[in-house]
């Protein structure tokens, strides 16, 4: 966590005192980079590029579409061809990246005590079965999204 926070502070220092900090974007990068590194030993390297990592951009597209679609009648959504294709492509990109991360870990085993290893090597105490790779990848996506977006609190 210190490593990622240090990257953010160094970025701000390099940009100088007159730079207007994009707090929302920078904290999105901070959060996702930290979660990915701590939970999956993966680096988005968000502070070494101007654009958001494509995974983050796809996640933002998916979440934004989900939020706006809630206000649009279903019949209208069916005719939103471009938006539907963008949503499908973004969702598929997230699945592909998550699947690649799982496969990379399987191909390059490590003793790290992180969430990804727990999902790959953990066994159900009743059945002794391990999780399927598709389920691990889906959980990784959910974990990143849940870490980024806090759910509203009730009254």
N, C-alpha and C. Protein backbone atom coordinates (compact mmCIF):
# COMPACT_ATOMS: atom_id res chain seq x y z
N UNK A 1 0.82 -1.19 0.00
CA UNK A 1 0.00 0.00 0.00
C UNK A 1 0.87 1.26 0.00
N UNK A 2 1.95 1.18 0.74
CA UNK A 2 2.86 2.32 0.82
C UNK A 2 3.44 2.63 -0.56
N UNK A 3 3.79 1.59 -1.28
CA UNK A 3 4.37 1.74 -2.62
C UNK A 3 3.43 2.52 -3.54
N UNK A 4 2.17 2.16 -3.56
CA UNK A 4 1.21 2.81 -4.45
C UNK A 4 0.95 4.24 -4.00
N UNK A 5 0.78 4.46 -2.70
CA UNK A 5 0.57 5.81 -2.18
C UNK A 5 1.77 6.70 -2.50
N UNK A 6 2.96 6.13 -2.40
CA UNK A 6 4.18 6.88 -2.73
C UNK A 6 4.19 7.28 -4.21
N UNK A 7 3.73 6.41 -5.09
CA UNK A 7 3.66 6.73 -6.51
C UNK A 7 2.76 7.94 -6.74
N UNK A 8 1.64 7.98 -6.03
CA UNK A 8 0.71 9.11 -6.18
C UNK A 8 1.35 10.41 -5.71
N UNK A 9 1.98 10.37 -4.56
CA UNK A 9 2.61 11.58 -4.02
C UNK A 9 3.73 12.06 -4.94
N UNK A 10 4.51 11.14 -5.48
CA UNK A 10 5.58 11.52 -6.41
C UNK A 10 5.00 12.13 -7.69
N UNK A 11 3.88 11.60 -8.16
CA UNK A 11 3.22 12.17 -9.34
C UNK A 11 2.84 13.62 -9.07
N UNK A 12 2.21 13.85 -7.94
CA UNK A 12 1.81 15.21 -7.59
C UNK A 12 3.03 16.13 -7.48
N UNK A 13 4.10 15.63 -6.89
CA UNK A 13 5.31 16.44 -6.73
C UNK A 13 5.91 16.79 -8.09
N UNK A 14 5.94 15.84 -9.00
CA UNK A 14 6.49 16.08 -10.35
C UNK A 14 5.68 17.13 -11.10
N UNK A 15 4.38 17.16 -10.87
CA UNK A 15 3.53 18.09 -11.60
C UNK A 15 3.62 19.52 -11.08
N UNK A 16 4.14 19.70 -9.89
CA UNK A 16 4.38 21.05 -9.37
C UNK A 16 3.23 21.64 -8.60
N UNK A 17 3.49 22.77 -7.94
CA UNK A 17 2.50 23.37 -7.05
C UNK A 17 1.31 24.00 -7.77
N UNK A 18 1.42 24.28 -9.04
CA UNK A 18 0.31 24.90 -9.77
C UNK A 18 -0.65 23.88 -10.39
N UNK A 19 -0.28 22.61 -10.31
CA UNK A 19 -1.10 21.55 -10.89
C UNK A 19 -2.40 21.39 -10.09
N UNK A 20 -3.51 21.36 -10.80
CA UNK A 20 -4.80 21.12 -10.16
C UNK A 20 -5.01 19.60 -10.09
N UNK A 21 -5.04 19.11 -8.89
CA UNK A 21 -5.14 17.67 -8.66
C UNK A 21 -6.54 17.18 -9.01
N UNK A 22 -6.58 16.16 -9.84
CA UNK A 22 -7.84 15.50 -10.19
C UNK A 22 -8.10 14.43 -9.13
N UNK A 23 -8.65 14.84 -8.02
CA UNK A 23 -8.77 13.97 -6.85
C UNK A 23 -9.55 12.70 -7.16
N UNK A 24 -10.69 12.81 -7.81
CA UNK A 24 -11.50 11.63 -8.09
C UNK A 24 -10.73 10.63 -8.94
N UNK A 25 -10.13 11.08 -10.03
CA UNK A 25 -9.36 10.17 -10.88
C UNK A 25 -8.16 9.59 -10.15
N UNK A 26 -7.43 10.43 -9.43
CA UNK A 26 -6.23 9.95 -8.75
C UNK A 26 -6.57 8.97 -7.63
N UNK A 27 -7.68 9.20 -6.92
CA UNK A 27 -8.04 8.28 -5.86
C UNK A 27 -8.64 6.98 -6.42
N UNK A 28 -9.25 7.06 -7.59
CA UNK A 28 -9.68 5.83 -8.26
C UNK A 28 -8.45 4.99 -8.60
N UNK A 29 -7.46 5.63 -9.16
CA UNK A 29 -6.21 4.92 -9.49
C UNK A 29 -5.56 4.36 -8.23
N UNK A 30 -5.49 5.17 -7.19
CA UNK A 30 -4.89 4.74 -5.93
C UNK A 30 -5.60 3.51 -5.37
N UNK A 31 -6.91 3.58 -5.33
CA UNK A 31 -7.70 2.47 -4.78
C UNK A 31 -7.51 1.20 -5.58
N UNK A 32 -7.70 1.28 -6.88
CA UNK A 32 -7.62 0.07 -7.71
C UNK A 32 -6.20 -0.49 -7.77
N UNK A 33 -5.21 0.38 -7.88
CA UNK A 33 -3.83 -0.11 -7.89
C UNK A 33 -3.48 -0.80 -6.58
N UNK A 34 -3.94 -0.25 -5.47
CA UNK A 34 -3.66 -0.84 -4.17
C UNK A 34 -4.35 -2.19 -4.02
N UNK A 35 -5.64 -2.24 -4.35
CA UNK A 35 -6.37 -3.50 -4.25
C UNK A 35 -5.75 -4.56 -5.15
N UNK A 36 -5.45 -4.21 -6.39
CA UNK A 36 -4.88 -5.18 -7.33
C UNK A 36 -3.54 -5.71 -6.84
N UNK A 37 -2.69 -4.82 -6.33
CA UNK A 37 -1.38 -5.25 -5.87
C UNK A 37 -1.48 -6.12 -4.62
N UNK A 38 -2.29 -5.69 -3.66
CA UNK A 38 -2.39 -6.43 -2.40
C UNK A 38 -3.15 -7.75 -2.55
N UNK A 39 -4.19 -7.75 -3.35
CA UNK A 39 -5.03 -8.94 -3.46
C UNK A 39 -4.61 -9.91 -4.55
N UNK A 40 -3.93 -9.40 -5.60
CA UNK A 40 -3.66 -10.24 -6.75
C UNK A 40 -2.23 -10.15 -7.27
N UNK A 41 -1.42 -9.32 -6.61
CA UNK A 41 -0.05 -9.10 -7.03
C UNK A 41 0.01 -8.65 -8.50
N UNK A 42 -0.92 -7.77 -8.86
CA UNK A 42 -0.98 -7.23 -10.22
C UNK A 42 -0.87 -5.72 -10.14
N UNK A 43 -0.13 -5.15 -11.07
CA UNK A 43 0.05 -3.70 -11.10
C UNK A 43 -0.63 -3.11 -12.33
N UNK A 44 -1.57 -2.19 -12.06
CA UNK A 44 -2.17 -1.43 -13.14
C UNK A 44 -1.20 -0.33 -13.61
N UNK A 45 -0.26 0.05 -12.75
CA UNK A 45 0.71 1.11 -13.05
C UNK A 45 0.01 2.39 -13.52
N UNK A 46 -1.05 2.74 -12.83
CA UNK A 46 -1.87 3.88 -13.22
C UNK A 46 -1.15 5.22 -13.16
N UNK A 47 -0.14 5.32 -12.33
CA UNK A 47 0.55 6.61 -12.16
C UNK A 47 1.71 6.78 -13.12
N UNK A 48 1.86 5.83 -14.04
CA UNK A 48 2.91 5.93 -15.04
C UNK A 48 2.35 6.17 -16.43
N UNK A 49 1.08 6.52 -16.50
CA UNK A 49 0.43 6.80 -17.77
C UNK A 49 -0.63 7.87 -17.56
N UNK A 50 -0.91 8.61 -18.58
CA UNK A 50 -1.90 9.68 -18.47
C UNK A 50 -3.33 9.13 -18.47
N UNK A 51 -3.56 8.13 -19.26
CA UNK A 51 -4.90 7.54 -19.35
C UNK A 51 -5.07 6.48 -18.28
N UNK A 52 -6.32 6.25 -17.92
CA UNK A 52 -6.63 5.15 -17.00
C UNK A 52 -6.26 3.84 -17.69
N UNK A 53 -5.88 2.85 -16.92
CA UNK A 53 -5.63 1.52 -17.46
C UNK A 53 -6.90 1.06 -18.18
N UNK A 54 -6.79 0.36 -19.29
CA UNK A 54 -8.00 -0.07 -20.02
C UNK A 54 -8.99 -0.85 -19.16
N UNK A 55 -8.50 -1.62 -18.20
CA UNK A 55 -9.41 -2.34 -17.31
C UNK A 55 -10.25 -1.36 -16.51
N UNK A 56 -9.61 -0.31 -16.00
CA UNK A 56 -10.31 0.69 -15.20
C UNK A 56 -11.32 1.43 -16.07
N UNK A 57 -10.92 1.77 -17.29
CA UNK A 57 -11.83 2.45 -18.21
C UNK A 57 -13.04 1.56 -18.50
N UNK A 58 -12.80 0.26 -18.72
CA UNK A 58 -13.89 -0.67 -18.99
C UNK A 58 -14.80 -0.79 -17.77
N UNK A 59 -14.21 -0.82 -16.59
CA UNK A 59 -14.99 -0.90 -15.37
C UNK A 59 -15.87 0.35 -15.21
N UNK A 60 -15.29 1.51 -15.47
CA UNK A 60 -16.05 2.75 -15.37
C UNK A 60 -17.20 2.78 -16.38
N UNK A 61 -16.95 2.28 -17.59
CA UNK A 61 -18.00 2.20 -18.60
C UNK A 61 -19.13 1.29 -18.14
N UNK A 62 -18.77 0.14 -17.62
CA UNK A 62 -19.77 -0.83 -17.16
C UNK A 62 -20.60 -0.26 -16.01
N UNK A 63 -19.92 0.33 -15.04
CA UNK A 63 -20.64 0.89 -13.89
C UNK A 63 -21.49 2.09 -14.28
N UNK A 64 -20.96 2.94 -15.14
CA UNK A 64 -21.72 4.10 -15.60
C UNK A 64 -22.96 3.69 -16.37
N UNK A 65 -22.80 2.69 -17.21
CA UNK A 65 -23.94 2.20 -17.99
C UNK A 65 -24.99 1.60 -17.07
N UNK A 66 -24.55 0.84 -16.08
CA UNK A 66 -25.50 0.23 -15.15
C UNK A 66 -26.29 1.28 -14.40
N UNK A 67 -25.61 2.34 -14.01
CA UNK A 67 -26.27 3.42 -13.28
C UNK A 67 -27.28 4.15 -14.15
N UNK A 68 -26.88 4.49 -15.38
CA UNK A 68 -27.78 5.25 -16.25
C UNK A 68 -28.90 4.37 -16.80
N UNK A 69 -28.65 3.09 -17.01
CA UNK A 69 -29.67 2.19 -17.55
C UNK A 69 -30.82 2.00 -16.58
N UNK A 70 -30.55 2.17 -15.31
CA UNK A 70 -31.61 2.00 -14.31
C UNK A 70 -32.73 3.02 -14.51
N UNK A 71 -32.43 4.12 -15.18
CA UNK A 71 -33.42 5.18 -15.39
C UNK A 71 -34.04 5.12 -16.79
N UNK A 72 -33.65 4.15 -17.59
CA UNK A 72 -34.13 4.06 -18.97
C UNK A 72 -35.04 2.84 -19.11
N UNK A 73 -36.22 3.01 -19.66
CA UNK A 73 -37.11 1.86 -19.84
C UNK A 73 -36.46 0.75 -20.67
N UNK A 74 -36.76 -0.48 -20.32
CA UNK A 74 -36.16 -1.65 -20.98
C UNK A 74 -36.35 -1.66 -22.48
N UNK A 75 -37.52 -1.26 -22.94
CA UNK A 75 -37.79 -1.25 -24.38
C UNK A 75 -36.85 -0.29 -25.11
N UNK A 76 -36.54 0.83 -24.48
CA UNK A 76 -35.62 1.80 -25.08
C UNK A 76 -34.21 1.25 -25.09
N UNK A 77 -33.84 0.55 -24.02
CA UNK A 77 -32.49 -0.01 -23.92
C UNK A 77 -32.19 -0.97 -25.08
N UNK A 78 -33.19 -1.68 -25.53
CA UNK A 78 -32.99 -2.64 -26.62
C UNK A 78 -32.54 -1.97 -27.91
N UNK A 79 -32.89 -0.69 -28.07
CA UNK A 79 -32.54 0.03 -29.29
C UNK A 79 -31.30 0.90 -29.15
N UNK A 80 -30.64 0.79 -28.04
CA UNK A 80 -29.40 1.56 -27.80
C UNK A 80 -28.22 0.71 -28.27
N UNK A 81 -28.15 0.46 -29.57
CA UNK A 81 -27.21 -0.49 -30.13
C UNK A 81 -25.75 -0.16 -29.81
N UNK A 82 -25.36 1.07 -30.00
CA UNK A 82 -23.98 1.47 -29.75
C UNK A 82 -23.63 1.34 -28.27
N UNK A 83 -24.50 1.82 -27.42
CA UNK A 83 -24.26 1.73 -25.97
C UNK A 83 -24.24 0.28 -25.51
N UNK A 84 -25.12 -0.54 -26.07
CA UNK A 84 -25.16 -1.96 -25.71
C UNK A 84 -23.87 -2.66 -26.13
N UNK A 85 -23.37 -2.32 -27.32
CA UNK A 85 -22.13 -2.94 -27.79
C UNK A 85 -20.94 -2.48 -26.94
N UNK A 86 -20.92 -1.22 -26.59
CA UNK A 86 -19.83 -0.71 -25.74
C UNK A 86 -19.87 -1.40 -24.37
N UNK A 87 -21.05 -1.56 -23.82
CA UNK A 87 -21.20 -2.24 -22.54
C UNK A 87 -20.75 -3.70 -22.64
N UNK A 88 -21.15 -4.37 -23.71
CA UNK A 88 -20.75 -5.76 -23.91
C UNK A 88 -19.23 -5.87 -24.04
N UNK A 89 -18.63 -4.99 -24.83
CA UNK A 89 -17.18 -5.03 -25.05
C UNK A 89 -16.42 -4.73 -23.76
N UNK A 90 -16.89 -3.77 -22.99
CA UNK A 90 -16.23 -3.43 -21.73
C UNK A 90 -16.32 -4.58 -20.74
N UNK A 91 -17.48 -5.18 -20.66
CA UNK A 91 -17.67 -6.32 -19.76
C UNK A 91 -16.77 -7.48 -20.18
N UNK A 92 -16.70 -7.75 -21.47
CA UNK A 92 -15.87 -8.84 -21.96
C UNK A 92 -14.39 -8.56 -21.72
N UNK A 93 -13.97 -7.31 -21.88
CA UNK A 93 -12.57 -6.94 -21.64
C UNK A 93 -12.20 -7.22 -20.18
N UNK A 94 -13.08 -6.86 -19.25
CA UNK A 94 -12.82 -7.12 -17.84
C UNK A 94 -12.68 -8.62 -17.59
N UNK A 95 -13.58 -9.41 -18.18
CA UNK A 95 -13.52 -10.86 -18.02
C UNK A 95 -12.23 -11.43 -18.58
N UNK A 96 -11.82 -10.94 -19.75
CA UNK A 96 -10.59 -11.43 -20.38
C UNK A 96 -9.36 -11.13 -19.53
N UNK A 97 -9.27 -9.90 -19.01
CA UNK A 97 -8.13 -9.53 -18.17
C UNK A 97 -8.10 -10.37 -16.90
N UNK A 98 -9.26 -10.52 -16.26
CA UNK A 98 -9.33 -11.31 -15.03
C UNK A 98 -8.93 -12.76 -15.31
N UNK A 99 -9.40 -13.32 -16.42
CA UNK A 99 -9.03 -14.69 -16.78
C UNK A 99 -7.53 -14.81 -17.04
N UNK A 100 -6.95 -13.80 -17.67
CA UNK A 100 -5.50 -13.81 -17.92
C UNK A 100 -4.72 -13.76 -16.61
N UNK A 101 -5.21 -12.98 -15.63
CA UNK A 101 -4.54 -12.91 -14.34
C UNK A 101 -4.57 -14.26 -13.63
N UNK A 102 -5.71 -14.93 -13.68
CA UNK A 102 -5.82 -16.25 -13.06
C UNK A 102 -4.87 -17.23 -13.77
N UNK A 103 -4.87 -17.21 -15.08
CA UNK A 103 -4.00 -18.13 -15.83
C UNK A 103 -2.53 -17.82 -15.56
N UNK A 104 -2.19 -16.55 -15.49
CA UNK A 104 -0.80 -16.17 -15.20
C UNK A 104 -0.37 -16.71 -13.84
N UNK A 105 -1.24 -16.60 -12.86
CA UNK A 105 -0.90 -17.11 -11.52
C UNK A 105 -0.77 -18.62 -11.55
N UNK A 106 -1.63 -19.28 -12.29
CA UNK A 106 -1.52 -20.75 -12.39
C UNK A 106 -0.20 -21.14 -13.08
N UNK A 107 0.18 -20.38 -14.10
CA UNK A 107 1.42 -20.67 -14.82
C UNK A 107 2.67 -20.28 -14.05
N UNK A 108 2.53 -19.32 -13.14
CA UNK A 108 3.67 -18.80 -12.36
C UNK A 108 3.29 -18.81 -10.89
N UNK A 109 3.19 -20.00 -10.33
CA UNK A 109 2.75 -20.15 -8.95
C UNK A 109 3.67 -19.39 -8.00
N UNK A 110 3.09 -18.89 -6.94
CA UNK A 110 3.82 -18.15 -5.92
C UNK A 110 3.28 -18.54 -4.55
N UNK A 111 4.06 -18.29 -3.54
CA UNK A 111 3.65 -18.60 -2.17
C UNK A 111 2.93 -17.42 -1.51
N UNK A 112 2.65 -16.38 -2.27
CA UNK A 112 2.02 -15.19 -1.69
C UNK A 112 0.71 -15.56 -0.99
N UNK A 113 0.50 -14.91 0.14
CA UNK A 113 -0.75 -15.12 0.87
C UNK A 113 -1.68 -13.98 0.52
N UNK A 114 -2.22 -14.05 -0.69
CA UNK A 114 -3.13 -13.01 -1.16
C UNK A 114 -4.47 -13.63 -1.53
N UNK A 115 -5.40 -12.77 -1.88
CA UNK A 115 -6.75 -13.22 -2.20
C UNK A 115 -6.76 -14.15 -3.41
N UNK A 116 -5.98 -13.85 -4.41
CA UNK A 116 -5.97 -14.68 -5.61
C UNK A 116 -5.52 -16.11 -5.29
N UNK A 117 -4.46 -16.26 -4.52
CA UNK A 117 -4.03 -17.61 -4.14
C UNK A 117 -5.08 -18.30 -3.28
N UNK A 118 -5.72 -17.55 -2.39
CA UNK A 118 -6.77 -18.15 -1.56
C UNK A 118 -7.90 -18.70 -2.43
N UNK A 119 -8.26 -17.96 -3.49
CA UNK A 119 -9.33 -18.43 -4.37
C UNK A 119 -8.87 -19.60 -5.23
N UNK A 120 -7.63 -19.57 -5.68
CA UNK A 120 -7.13 -20.64 -6.55
C UNK A 120 -6.92 -21.94 -5.78
N UNK A 121 -6.31 -21.85 -4.61
CA UNK A 121 -5.90 -23.06 -3.89
C UNK A 121 -6.81 -23.42 -2.72
N UNK A 122 -7.69 -22.51 -2.34
CA UNK A 122 -8.60 -22.81 -1.24
C UNK A 122 -9.59 -23.89 -1.64
N UNK A 123 -9.97 -24.69 -0.65
CA UNK A 123 -10.91 -25.78 -0.91
C UNK A 123 -12.13 -25.63 -0.03
N UNK A 124 -13.27 -25.98 -0.59
CA UNK A 124 -14.51 -25.98 0.17
C UNK A 124 -14.36 -27.01 1.29
N UNK A 125 -14.61 -26.60 2.53
CA UNK A 125 -14.40 -27.53 3.64
C UNK A 125 -15.33 -28.75 3.61
N UNK A 126 -16.47 -28.64 2.96
CA UNK A 126 -17.41 -29.76 2.91
C UNK A 126 -17.14 -30.69 1.74
N UNK A 127 -16.85 -30.10 0.57
CA UNK A 127 -16.69 -30.93 -0.65
C UNK A 127 -15.24 -31.18 -1.03
N UNK A 128 -14.34 -30.32 -0.54
CA UNK A 128 -12.93 -30.44 -0.92
C UNK A 128 -12.64 -29.90 -2.30
N UNK A 129 -13.65 -29.30 -2.95
CA UNK A 129 -13.48 -28.78 -4.30
C UNK A 129 -12.87 -27.38 -4.27
N UNK A 130 -12.16 -27.05 -5.35
CA UNK A 130 -11.61 -25.70 -5.52
C UNK A 130 -12.55 -24.92 -6.44
N UNK A 131 -12.35 -23.61 -6.49
CA UNK A 131 -13.17 -22.77 -7.35
C UNK A 131 -12.78 -22.91 -8.81
N UNK A 132 -13.76 -22.82 -9.69
CA UNK A 132 -13.49 -22.80 -11.13
C UNK A 132 -12.83 -21.47 -11.48
N UNK A 133 -11.98 -21.48 -12.51
CA UNK A 133 -11.28 -20.27 -12.92
C UNK A 133 -12.24 -19.14 -13.30
N UNK A 134 -13.36 -19.49 -13.95
CA UNK A 134 -14.32 -18.46 -14.35
C UNK A 134 -14.91 -17.77 -13.13
N UNK A 135 -15.16 -18.53 -12.08
CA UNK A 135 -15.71 -17.97 -10.86
C UNK A 135 -14.66 -17.11 -10.15
N UNK A 136 -13.41 -17.54 -10.17
CA UNK A 136 -12.33 -16.75 -9.58
C UNK A 136 -12.23 -15.41 -10.30
N UNK A 137 -12.23 -15.45 -11.62
CA UNK A 137 -12.13 -14.22 -12.41
C UNK A 137 -13.30 -13.29 -12.11
N UNK A 138 -14.51 -13.83 -12.03
CA UNK A 138 -15.69 -13.01 -11.73
C UNK A 138 -15.58 -12.39 -10.34
N UNK A 139 -15.07 -13.15 -9.39
CA UNK A 139 -14.89 -12.62 -8.04
C UNK A 139 -13.83 -11.54 -7.99
N UNK A 140 -12.79 -11.66 -8.80
CA UNK A 140 -11.75 -10.63 -8.85
C UNK A 140 -12.34 -9.32 -9.36
N UNK A 141 -13.16 -9.39 -10.38
CA UNK A 141 -13.81 -8.19 -10.92
C UNK A 141 -14.70 -7.57 -9.85
N UNK A 142 -15.50 -8.40 -9.20
CA UNK A 142 -16.39 -7.91 -8.15
C UNK A 142 -15.59 -7.26 -7.03
N UNK A 143 -14.50 -7.87 -6.64
CA UNK A 143 -13.67 -7.34 -5.56
C UNK A 143 -13.12 -5.97 -5.92
N UNK A 144 -12.66 -5.82 -7.15
CA UNK A 144 -12.14 -4.51 -7.58
C UNK A 144 -13.24 -3.46 -7.61
N UNK A 145 -14.40 -3.83 -8.12
CA UNK A 145 -15.51 -2.88 -8.19
C UNK A 145 -15.99 -2.52 -6.79
N UNK A 146 -16.12 -3.51 -5.93
CA UNK A 146 -16.59 -3.25 -4.57
C UNK A 146 -15.60 -2.37 -3.82
N UNK A 147 -14.33 -2.53 -4.09
CA UNK A 147 -13.32 -1.70 -3.44
C UNK A 147 -13.33 -0.27 -3.92
N UNK A 148 -13.83 -0.06 -5.11
CA UNK A 148 -13.85 1.27 -5.71
C UNK A 148 -15.10 2.05 -5.33
N UNK A 149 -16.21 1.37 -5.29
CA UNK A 149 -17.48 2.05 -5.08
C UNK A 149 -18.10 1.62 -3.77
N UNK A 150 -18.22 2.54 -2.86
CA UNK A 150 -18.86 2.29 -1.58
C UNK A 150 -20.35 2.36 -1.80
N UNK A 151 -21.04 1.38 -1.27
CA UNK A 151 -22.49 1.36 -1.38
C UNK A 151 -23.09 2.40 -0.44
N UNK A 152 -24.20 3.00 -0.81
CA UNK A 152 -24.83 3.99 0.07
C UNK A 152 -25.27 3.33 1.37
N UNK A 153 -25.15 4.08 2.44
CA UNK A 153 -25.55 3.59 3.75
C UNK A 153 -27.02 3.87 3.96
N UNK A 154 -27.69 2.98 4.67
CA UNK A 154 -29.09 3.19 4.97
C UNK A 154 -29.28 4.26 6.03
N UNK A 155 -30.52 4.59 6.32
CA UNK A 155 -30.82 5.65 7.29
C UNK A 155 -30.40 5.26 8.70
